N, C-alpha and C. Protein backbone atom coordinates (compact mmCIF):
# COMPACT_ATOMS: atom_id res chain seq x y z
N UNK A 1 82.05 -131.02 54.51
CA UNK A 1 81.33 -129.89 54.09
C UNK A 1 82.20 -128.78 53.58
N UNK A 2 83.35 -128.84 53.89
CA UNK A 2 84.29 -127.84 53.43
C UNK A 2 84.34 -127.79 51.90
N UNK A 3 84.04 -128.82 51.33
CA UNK A 3 84.11 -128.83 49.87
C UNK A 3 82.98 -128.03 49.25
N UNK A 4 81.85 -128.02 49.89
CA UNK A 4 80.72 -127.34 49.31
C UNK A 4 80.67 -125.86 49.68
N UNK A 5 81.17 -125.45 50.71
CA UNK A 5 81.18 -124.05 51.11
C UNK A 5 82.58 -123.52 50.96
N UNK A 6 82.79 -122.51 50.17
CA UNK A 6 84.13 -121.97 49.97
C UNK A 6 84.51 -121.03 51.11
N UNK A 7 85.77 -120.82 51.25
CA UNK A 7 86.32 -119.91 52.25
C UNK A 7 86.01 -118.48 51.86
N UNK A 8 86.02 -117.63 52.89
CA UNK A 8 85.76 -116.23 52.62
C UNK A 8 86.86 -115.63 51.77
N UNK A 9 88.06 -115.94 51.99
CA UNK A 9 89.21 -115.44 51.24
C UNK A 9 89.13 -115.88 49.77
N UNK A 10 88.80 -117.09 49.59
CA UNK A 10 88.68 -117.60 48.21
C UNK A 10 87.52 -116.92 47.52
N UNK A 11 86.46 -116.77 48.23
CA UNK A 11 85.30 -116.12 47.66
C UNK A 11 85.62 -114.66 47.34
N UNK A 12 86.34 -113.98 48.22
CA UNK A 12 86.73 -112.59 47.98
C UNK A 12 87.58 -112.48 46.74
N UNK A 13 88.60 -113.29 46.60
CA UNK A 13 89.51 -113.24 45.44
C UNK A 13 88.77 -113.64 44.16
N UNK A 14 87.86 -114.51 44.26
CA UNK A 14 87.10 -114.90 43.08
C UNK A 14 86.20 -113.75 42.62
N UNK A 15 85.53 -113.11 43.58
CA UNK A 15 84.66 -111.99 43.25
C UNK A 15 85.48 -110.84 42.72
N UNK A 16 86.66 -110.58 43.36
CA UNK A 16 87.53 -109.50 42.92
C UNK A 16 88.06 -109.77 41.52
N UNK A 17 88.54 -110.93 41.23
CA UNK A 17 89.08 -111.24 39.90
C UNK A 17 87.96 -111.25 38.87
N UNK A 18 86.75 -111.74 39.24
CA UNK A 18 85.64 -111.71 38.30
C UNK A 18 85.22 -110.27 38.00
N UNK A 19 85.23 -109.43 39.05
CA UNK A 19 84.86 -108.02 38.87
C UNK A 19 85.88 -107.32 38.00
N UNK A 20 87.16 -107.56 38.23
CA UNK A 20 88.20 -106.95 37.40
C UNK A 20 88.07 -107.43 35.95
N UNK A 21 87.87 -108.70 35.78
CA UNK A 21 87.68 -109.26 34.44
C UNK A 21 86.43 -108.68 33.79
N UNK A 22 85.34 -108.54 34.57
CA UNK A 22 84.11 -107.99 34.02
C UNK A 22 84.31 -106.52 33.65
N UNK A 23 85.06 -105.76 34.50
CA UNK A 23 85.35 -104.37 34.18
C UNK A 23 86.20 -104.25 32.92
N UNK A 24 87.22 -105.05 32.80
CA UNK A 24 88.10 -105.02 31.62
C UNK A 24 87.29 -105.41 30.38
N UNK A 25 86.53 -106.46 30.51
CA UNK A 25 85.71 -106.89 29.38
C UNK A 25 84.65 -105.84 29.07
N UNK A 26 84.03 -105.27 30.11
CA UNK A 26 83.01 -104.25 29.91
C UNK A 26 83.58 -103.00 29.27
N UNK A 27 84.80 -102.64 29.64
CA UNK A 27 85.40 -101.43 29.10
C UNK A 27 85.99 -101.66 27.72
N UNK A 28 86.67 -102.76 27.51
CA UNK A 28 87.38 -102.98 26.25
C UNK A 28 86.76 -104.08 25.37
N UNK A 29 86.29 -105.11 25.90
CA UNK A 29 85.84 -106.26 25.13
C UNK A 29 84.42 -106.16 24.62
N UNK A 30 83.49 -105.82 25.55
CA UNK A 30 82.08 -105.81 25.16
C UNK A 30 81.78 -104.78 24.06
N UNK A 31 82.28 -103.57 24.15
CA UNK A 31 81.96 -102.63 23.06
C UNK A 31 82.45 -103.13 21.70
N UNK A 32 83.62 -103.72 21.69
CA UNK A 32 84.14 -104.24 20.41
C UNK A 32 83.28 -105.39 19.92
N UNK A 33 82.94 -106.28 20.83
CA UNK A 33 82.13 -107.43 20.44
C UNK A 33 80.74 -106.95 20.00
N UNK A 34 80.13 -106.02 20.76
CA UNK A 34 78.81 -105.52 20.42
C UNK A 34 78.86 -104.78 19.08
N UNK A 35 79.89 -103.93 18.87
CA UNK A 35 80.00 -103.21 17.60
C UNK A 35 80.21 -104.18 16.43
N UNK A 36 80.97 -105.22 16.65
CA UNK A 36 81.17 -106.21 15.59
C UNK A 36 79.86 -106.93 15.28
N UNK A 37 79.09 -107.23 16.35
CA UNK A 37 77.80 -107.90 16.14
C UNK A 37 76.85 -106.95 15.41
N UNK A 38 76.86 -105.67 15.82
CA UNK A 38 76.01 -104.69 15.15
C UNK A 38 76.43 -104.50 13.69
N UNK A 39 77.75 -104.42 13.46
CA UNK A 39 78.25 -104.29 12.07
C UNK A 39 77.82 -105.51 11.25
N UNK A 40 77.95 -106.65 11.84
CA UNK A 40 77.56 -107.88 11.14
C UNK A 40 76.05 -107.86 10.86
N UNK A 41 75.25 -107.42 11.83
CA UNK A 41 73.80 -107.33 11.64
C UNK A 41 73.46 -106.31 10.54
N UNK A 42 74.16 -105.14 10.60
CA UNK A 42 73.94 -104.12 9.56
C UNK A 42 74.34 -104.64 8.19
N UNK A 43 75.47 -105.34 8.12
CA UNK A 43 75.94 -105.91 6.85
C UNK A 43 74.92 -106.91 6.31
N UNK A 44 74.38 -107.73 7.21
CA UNK A 44 73.39 -108.72 6.80
C UNK A 44 72.11 -108.01 6.33
N UNK A 45 71.68 -106.95 7.08
CA UNK A 45 70.50 -106.20 6.67
C UNK A 45 70.71 -105.54 5.30
N UNK A 46 71.88 -104.91 5.12
CA UNK A 46 72.20 -104.28 3.83
C UNK A 46 72.23 -105.32 2.72
N UNK A 47 72.82 -106.46 3.00
CA UNK A 47 72.87 -107.53 2.00
C UNK A 47 71.46 -107.99 1.64
N UNK A 48 70.59 -108.10 2.65
CA UNK A 48 69.21 -108.50 2.39
C UNK A 48 68.49 -107.43 1.57
N UNK A 49 68.72 -106.13 1.93
CA UNK A 49 68.11 -105.04 1.16
C UNK A 49 68.60 -105.06 -0.28
N UNK A 50 69.92 -105.24 -0.44
CA UNK A 50 70.49 -105.28 -1.80
C UNK A 50 69.96 -106.48 -2.56
N UNK A 51 69.81 -107.59 -1.87
CA UNK A 51 69.26 -108.79 -2.53
C UNK A 51 67.81 -108.53 -2.95
N UNK A 52 67.02 -107.88 -2.05
CA UNK A 52 65.64 -107.54 -2.40
C UNK A 52 65.61 -106.58 -3.59
N UNK A 53 66.50 -105.56 -3.53
CA UNK A 53 66.57 -104.61 -4.65
C UNK A 53 66.97 -105.32 -5.95
N UNK A 54 67.93 -106.22 -5.84
CA UNK A 54 68.37 -106.97 -7.02
C UNK A 54 67.23 -107.84 -7.55
N UNK A 55 66.49 -108.47 -6.63
CA UNK A 55 65.33 -109.27 -7.06
C UNK A 55 64.28 -108.40 -7.73
N UNK A 56 64.05 -107.21 -7.14
CA UNK A 56 63.06 -106.30 -7.73
C UNK A 56 63.56 -105.83 -9.10
N UNK A 57 64.85 -105.48 -9.19
CA UNK A 57 65.40 -105.06 -10.48
C UNK A 57 65.33 -106.20 -11.49
N UNK A 58 65.63 -107.40 -11.04
CA UNK A 58 65.56 -108.56 -11.92
C UNK A 58 64.12 -108.79 -12.39
N UNK A 59 63.17 -108.61 -11.47
CA UNK A 59 61.77 -108.77 -11.85
C UNK A 59 61.38 -107.68 -12.85
N UNK A 60 61.85 -106.44 -12.62
CA UNK A 60 61.58 -105.35 -13.57
C UNK A 60 62.20 -105.65 -14.92
N UNK A 61 63.43 -106.11 -14.90
CA UNK A 61 64.12 -106.43 -16.16
C UNK A 61 63.39 -107.55 -16.88
N UNK A 62 62.96 -108.54 -16.10
CA UNK A 62 62.23 -109.65 -16.70
C UNK A 62 60.91 -109.16 -17.30
N UNK A 63 60.21 -108.29 -16.56
CA UNK A 63 58.94 -107.75 -17.06
C UNK A 63 59.18 -106.90 -18.31
N UNK A 64 60.24 -106.08 -18.28
CA UNK A 64 60.56 -105.26 -19.44
C UNK A 64 60.95 -106.14 -20.63
N UNK A 65 61.71 -107.20 -20.34
CA UNK A 65 62.08 -108.13 -21.40
C UNK A 65 60.87 -108.79 -22.03
N UNK A 66 59.92 -109.20 -21.19
CA UNK A 66 58.70 -109.80 -21.71
C UNK A 66 57.89 -108.78 -22.49
N UNK A 67 57.86 -107.53 -21.97
CA UNK A 67 57.13 -106.46 -22.67
C UNK A 67 57.78 -106.20 -24.02
N UNK A 68 59.11 -106.09 -24.03
CA UNK A 68 59.82 -105.87 -25.30
C UNK A 68 59.61 -107.04 -26.26
N UNK A 69 59.61 -108.23 -25.72
CA UNK A 69 59.38 -109.41 -26.55
C UNK A 69 57.98 -109.37 -27.16
N UNK A 70 57.00 -109.00 -26.34
CA UNK A 70 55.62 -108.90 -26.85
C UNK A 70 55.52 -107.79 -27.89
N UNK A 71 56.17 -106.64 -27.62
CA UNK A 71 56.15 -105.54 -28.59
C UNK A 71 56.83 -105.95 -29.89
N UNK A 72 57.96 -106.63 -29.77
CA UNK A 72 58.69 -107.09 -30.95
C UNK A 72 57.83 -108.07 -31.74
N UNK A 73 57.16 -108.96 -31.02
CA UNK A 73 56.29 -109.92 -31.70
C UNK A 73 55.16 -109.20 -32.42
N UNK A 74 54.55 -108.21 -31.74
CA UNK A 74 53.48 -107.44 -32.37
C UNK A 74 54.00 -106.68 -33.58
N UNK A 75 55.18 -106.07 -33.44
CA UNK A 75 55.77 -105.35 -34.57
C UNK A 75 56.04 -106.29 -35.73
N UNK A 76 56.56 -107.46 -35.42
CA UNK A 76 56.85 -108.45 -36.46
C UNK A 76 55.56 -108.86 -37.17
N UNK A 77 54.51 -109.10 -36.38
CA UNK A 77 53.23 -109.47 -36.99
C UNK A 77 52.68 -108.32 -37.84
N UNK A 78 52.83 -107.10 -37.34
CA UNK A 78 52.37 -105.93 -38.11
C UNK A 78 53.16 -105.79 -39.40
N UNK A 79 54.49 -106.00 -39.31
CA UNK A 79 55.33 -105.91 -40.51
C UNK A 79 54.95 -107.00 -41.51
N UNK A 80 54.69 -108.20 -41.02
CA UNK A 80 54.28 -109.28 -41.91
C UNK A 80 52.93 -108.97 -42.55
N UNK A 81 52.02 -108.39 -41.75
CA UNK A 81 50.72 -108.02 -42.28
C UNK A 81 50.87 -106.95 -43.36
N UNK A 82 51.69 -105.93 -43.08
CA UNK A 82 51.92 -104.87 -44.05
C UNK A 82 52.58 -105.42 -45.32
N UNK A 83 53.55 -106.32 -45.13
CA UNK A 83 54.23 -106.91 -46.29
C UNK A 83 53.24 -107.71 -47.13
N UNK A 84 52.36 -108.45 -46.45
CA UNK A 84 51.36 -109.23 -47.18
C UNK A 84 50.40 -108.31 -47.93
N UNK A 85 49.96 -107.23 -47.26
CA UNK A 85 49.07 -106.28 -47.92
C UNK A 85 49.75 -105.62 -49.11
N UNK A 86 51.02 -105.27 -48.91
CA UNK A 86 51.77 -104.64 -50.02
C UNK A 86 51.95 -105.62 -51.17
N UNK A 87 52.21 -106.88 -50.84
CA UNK A 87 52.35 -107.90 -51.88
C UNK A 87 51.05 -108.03 -52.66
N UNK A 88 49.93 -108.10 -51.92
CA UNK A 88 48.62 -108.22 -52.58
C UNK A 88 48.33 -106.99 -53.44
N UNK A 89 48.68 -105.82 -52.91
CA UNK A 89 48.47 -104.58 -53.68
C UNK A 89 49.31 -104.60 -54.95
N UNK A 90 50.58 -105.01 -54.81
CA UNK A 90 51.47 -105.05 -55.98
C UNK A 90 50.96 -106.04 -57.02
N UNK A 91 50.46 -107.19 -56.54
CA UNK A 91 49.93 -108.19 -57.47
C UNK A 91 48.70 -107.63 -58.17
N UNK A 92 47.81 -106.97 -57.39
CA UNK A 92 46.60 -106.40 -57.99
C UNK A 92 46.97 -105.31 -59.01
N UNK A 93 47.95 -104.47 -58.64
CA UNK A 93 48.38 -103.41 -59.57
C UNK A 93 48.99 -104.02 -60.84
N UNK A 94 49.81 -105.06 -60.64
CA UNK A 94 50.43 -105.71 -61.79
C UNK A 94 49.37 -106.36 -62.68
N UNK A 95 48.37 -106.98 -62.06
CA UNK A 95 47.30 -107.59 -62.85
C UNK A 95 46.51 -106.52 -63.59
N UNK A 96 46.21 -105.42 -62.90
CA UNK A 96 45.47 -104.34 -63.55
C UNK A 96 46.28 -103.77 -64.72
N UNK A 97 47.58 -103.57 -64.48
CA UNK A 97 48.45 -103.04 -65.53
C UNK A 97 48.52 -104.02 -66.70
N UNK A 98 48.63 -105.32 -66.37
CA UNK A 98 48.67 -106.33 -67.43
C UNK A 98 47.36 -106.36 -68.21
N UNK A 99 46.22 -106.22 -67.49
CA UNK A 99 44.93 -106.19 -68.18
C UNK A 99 44.83 -104.97 -69.10
N UNK A 100 45.32 -103.82 -68.60
CA UNK A 100 45.29 -102.60 -69.43
C UNK A 100 46.16 -102.80 -70.66
N UNK A 101 47.37 -103.33 -70.45
CA UNK A 101 48.28 -103.56 -71.59
C UNK A 101 47.68 -104.57 -72.56
N UNK A 102 47.06 -105.63 -72.01
CA UNK A 102 46.44 -106.63 -72.88
C UNK A 102 45.30 -106.01 -73.69
N UNK A 103 44.50 -105.16 -73.02
CA UNK A 103 43.40 -104.49 -73.72
C UNK A 103 43.94 -103.59 -74.82
N UNK A 104 45.04 -102.86 -74.52
CA UNK A 104 45.65 -102.00 -75.53
C UNK A 104 46.17 -102.82 -76.71
N UNK A 105 46.84 -103.93 -76.39
CA UNK A 105 47.38 -104.79 -77.45
C UNK A 105 46.24 -105.36 -78.29
N UNK A 106 45.16 -105.80 -77.61
CA UNK A 106 44.01 -106.35 -78.35
C UNK A 106 43.39 -105.26 -79.22
N UNK A 107 43.26 -104.05 -78.66
CA UNK A 107 42.68 -102.95 -79.42
C UNK A 107 43.55 -102.61 -80.63
N UNK A 108 44.87 -102.55 -80.41
CA UNK A 108 45.77 -102.28 -81.55
C UNK A 108 45.67 -103.40 -82.57
N UNK A 109 45.56 -104.64 -82.07
CA UNK A 109 45.42 -105.78 -82.99
C UNK A 109 44.13 -105.69 -83.78
N UNK A 110 43.04 -105.35 -83.08
CA UNK A 110 41.76 -105.20 -83.77
C UNK A 110 41.81 -104.08 -84.80
N UNK A 111 42.43 -102.95 -84.39
CA UNK A 111 42.57 -101.83 -85.33
C UNK A 111 43.41 -102.25 -86.54
N UNK A 112 44.49 -102.98 -86.24
CA UNK A 112 45.36 -103.45 -87.33
C UNK A 112 44.61 -104.41 -88.24
N UNK A 113 43.83 -105.32 -87.65
CA UNK A 113 43.05 -106.27 -88.45
C UNK A 113 42.01 -105.53 -89.28
N UNK A 114 41.32 -104.54 -88.64
CA UNK A 114 40.32 -103.76 -89.36
C UNK A 114 40.96 -102.98 -90.51
N UNK A 115 42.13 -102.39 -90.24
CA UNK A 115 42.84 -101.64 -91.28
C UNK A 115 43.25 -102.56 -92.42
N UNK A 116 43.78 -103.73 -92.06
CA UNK A 116 44.16 -104.71 -93.08
C UNK A 116 42.93 -105.17 -93.86
N UNK A 117 41.83 -105.37 -93.15
CA UNK A 117 40.58 -105.80 -93.80
C UNK A 117 40.10 -104.72 -94.77
N UNK A 118 40.10 -103.45 -94.29
CA UNK A 118 39.68 -102.36 -95.16
C UNK A 118 40.58 -102.24 -96.38
N UNK A 119 41.88 -102.37 -96.15
CA UNK A 119 42.83 -102.31 -97.26
C UNK A 119 42.61 -103.47 -98.24
N UNK A 120 42.35 -104.65 -97.67
CA UNK A 120 42.12 -105.81 -98.53
C UNK A 120 40.83 -105.63 -99.33
N UNK A 121 39.77 -105.10 -98.70
CA UNK A 121 38.51 -104.87 -99.40
C UNK A 121 38.71 -103.85 -100.51
N UNK A 122 39.45 -102.76 -100.18
CA UNK A 122 39.73 -101.75 -101.21
C UNK A 122 40.52 -102.36 -102.36
N UNK A 123 41.51 -103.16 -101.99
CA UNK A 123 42.34 -103.80 -103.02
C UNK A 123 41.48 -104.72 -103.88
N UNK A 124 40.62 -105.52 -103.22
CA UNK A 124 39.76 -106.44 -103.97
C UNK A 124 38.79 -105.66 -104.86
N UNK A 125 38.18 -104.57 -104.31
CA UNK A 125 37.26 -103.77 -105.11
C UNK A 125 37.99 -103.16 -106.30
N UNK A 126 39.20 -102.69 -106.03
CA UNK A 126 39.97 -102.10 -107.13
C UNK A 126 40.26 -103.15 -108.20
N UNK A 127 40.66 -104.33 -107.75
CA UNK A 127 40.96 -105.40 -108.70
C UNK A 127 39.69 -105.85 -109.43
N UNK A 128 38.56 -105.95 -108.68
CA UNK A 128 37.30 -106.35 -109.30
C UNK A 128 36.88 -105.31 -110.34
N UNK A 129 37.00 -104.03 -109.95
CA UNK A 129 36.62 -102.96 -110.89
C UNK A 129 37.51 -103.02 -112.14
N UNK A 130 38.79 -103.20 -111.89
CA UNK A 130 39.73 -103.26 -113.02
C UNK A 130 39.41 -104.46 -113.90
N UNK A 131 39.16 -105.62 -113.25
CA UNK A 131 38.82 -106.81 -114.02
C UNK A 131 37.49 -106.63 -114.76
N UNK A 132 36.53 -105.99 -114.10
CA UNK A 132 35.23 -105.76 -114.74
C UNK A 132 35.39 -104.88 -115.97
N UNK A 133 36.19 -103.85 -115.81
CA UNK A 133 36.42 -102.95 -116.95
C UNK A 133 37.10 -103.71 -118.08
N UNK A 134 38.11 -104.52 -117.76
CA UNK A 134 38.82 -105.27 -118.81
C UNK A 134 37.89 -106.27 -119.48
N UNK A 135 37.10 -106.96 -118.63
CA UNK A 135 36.17 -107.94 -119.20
C UNK A 135 35.14 -107.23 -120.08
N UNK A 136 34.57 -106.11 -119.59
CA UNK A 136 33.58 -105.37 -120.36
C UNK A 136 34.20 -104.86 -121.66
N UNK A 137 35.43 -104.39 -121.54
CA UNK A 137 36.12 -103.88 -122.75
C UNK A 137 36.28 -104.99 -123.77
N UNK A 138 36.68 -106.19 -123.31
CA UNK A 138 36.87 -107.30 -124.25
C UNK A 138 35.53 -107.74 -124.84
N UNK A 139 34.51 -107.76 -123.97
CA UNK A 139 33.19 -108.17 -124.46
C UNK A 139 32.70 -107.16 -125.49
N UNK A 140 32.80 -105.89 -125.15
CA UNK A 140 32.31 -104.85 -126.06
C UNK A 140 33.10 -104.86 -127.36
N UNK A 141 34.38 -105.05 -127.30
CA UNK A 141 35.18 -105.12 -128.52
C UNK A 141 34.73 -106.29 -129.39
N UNK A 142 34.49 -107.39 -128.69
CA UNK A 142 34.06 -108.56 -129.46
C UNK A 142 32.69 -108.35 -130.09
N UNK A 143 31.79 -107.70 -129.39
CA UNK A 143 30.44 -107.51 -129.90
C UNK A 143 30.37 -106.34 -130.88
N UNK A 144 31.22 -105.39 -130.69
CA UNK A 144 31.12 -104.18 -131.50
C UNK A 144 32.20 -104.13 -132.59
N UNK A 145 32.44 -105.19 -133.25
CA UNK A 145 33.45 -105.21 -134.30
C UNK A 145 32.95 -104.48 -135.55
N UNK A 146 31.74 -104.60 -135.78
CA UNK A 146 31.24 -103.91 -136.97
C UNK A 146 30.48 -102.65 -136.56
N UNK A 147 30.25 -101.73 -137.48
CA UNK A 147 29.66 -100.41 -137.23
C UNK A 147 28.21 -100.54 -136.84
N UNK A 148 27.44 -101.45 -137.44
CA UNK A 148 26.02 -101.63 -137.13
C UNK A 148 25.84 -102.02 -135.68
N UNK A 149 26.65 -102.92 -135.14
CA UNK A 149 26.55 -103.36 -133.75
C UNK A 149 26.88 -102.20 -132.83
N UNK A 150 27.82 -101.34 -133.21
CA UNK A 150 28.18 -100.18 -132.39
C UNK A 150 27.00 -99.21 -132.32
N UNK A 151 26.36 -98.96 -133.46
CA UNK A 151 25.21 -98.03 -133.48
C UNK A 151 24.07 -98.58 -132.63
N UNK A 152 23.80 -99.86 -132.72
CA UNK A 152 22.73 -100.48 -131.93
C UNK A 152 23.02 -100.36 -130.43
N UNK A 153 24.23 -100.59 -130.04
CA UNK A 153 24.62 -100.53 -128.63
C UNK A 153 24.48 -99.12 -128.10
N UNK A 154 24.89 -98.10 -128.85
CA UNK A 154 24.80 -96.70 -128.43
C UNK A 154 23.34 -96.32 -128.27
N UNK A 155 22.49 -96.72 -129.22
CA UNK A 155 21.07 -96.42 -129.14
C UNK A 155 20.46 -97.08 -127.91
N UNK A 156 20.80 -98.30 -127.69
CA UNK A 156 20.26 -99.04 -126.53
C UNK A 156 20.67 -98.37 -125.24
N UNK A 157 21.91 -97.95 -125.09
CA UNK A 157 22.40 -97.28 -123.88
C UNK A 157 21.72 -95.94 -123.69
N UNK A 158 21.53 -95.20 -124.75
CA UNK A 158 20.85 -93.91 -124.65
C UNK A 158 19.42 -94.09 -124.22
N UNK A 159 18.77 -95.11 -124.74
CA UNK A 159 17.40 -95.39 -124.34
C UNK A 159 17.34 -95.74 -122.84
N UNK A 160 18.29 -96.51 -122.34
CA UNK A 160 18.33 -96.88 -120.92
C UNK A 160 18.56 -95.65 -120.05
N UNK A 161 19.39 -94.72 -120.51
CA UNK A 161 19.66 -93.50 -119.75
C UNK A 161 18.42 -92.63 -119.72
N UNK A 162 17.74 -92.51 -120.87
CA UNK A 162 16.50 -91.72 -120.92
C UNK A 162 15.42 -92.32 -120.06
N UNK A 163 15.32 -93.64 -119.99
CA UNK A 163 14.30 -94.32 -119.20
C UNK A 163 14.62 -94.09 -117.72
N UNK A 164 15.87 -94.14 -117.36
CA UNK A 164 16.27 -93.98 -115.96
C UNK A 164 16.00 -92.55 -115.51
N UNK A 165 16.13 -91.54 -116.39
CA UNK A 165 15.91 -90.13 -116.02
C UNK A 165 14.44 -89.85 -115.88
N UNK A 166 13.59 -90.55 -116.59
CA UNK A 166 12.15 -90.26 -116.58
C UNK A 166 11.49 -90.67 -115.35
């Protein structure tokens, strides 16, 4: 039984050495260990907070990036729409300008054709009148070679003038 029950002296020295060790550890060891554990806990908490903040910032950045991407897409679509409208406007203006120019050219052409036609008619009338006078002159000369034919022609013309006046 001696093995299971320790001596009083042994028990005293064991309790004394344990108490001294507990006092030394309590005075010098435990505060250091506890402060290190607390520092480690604080560091872990700060790291978790920073990680949460980083995740929140990353989520904000991602949301802003998506927002910017959507805005850029909308701006691009608006710019394409404006460019298309401007292209259509420019085409319509060019067509209108071309139609106006074509109308002016056609009008000038018509005026030129009318002027040429009038000039040609005047020229033809002048030539016809000139030819008529020459033909009449030759006919009259041929018919009026003798004095009797001249007197008859003058009388006939005077009679026609008198009839026309009456």
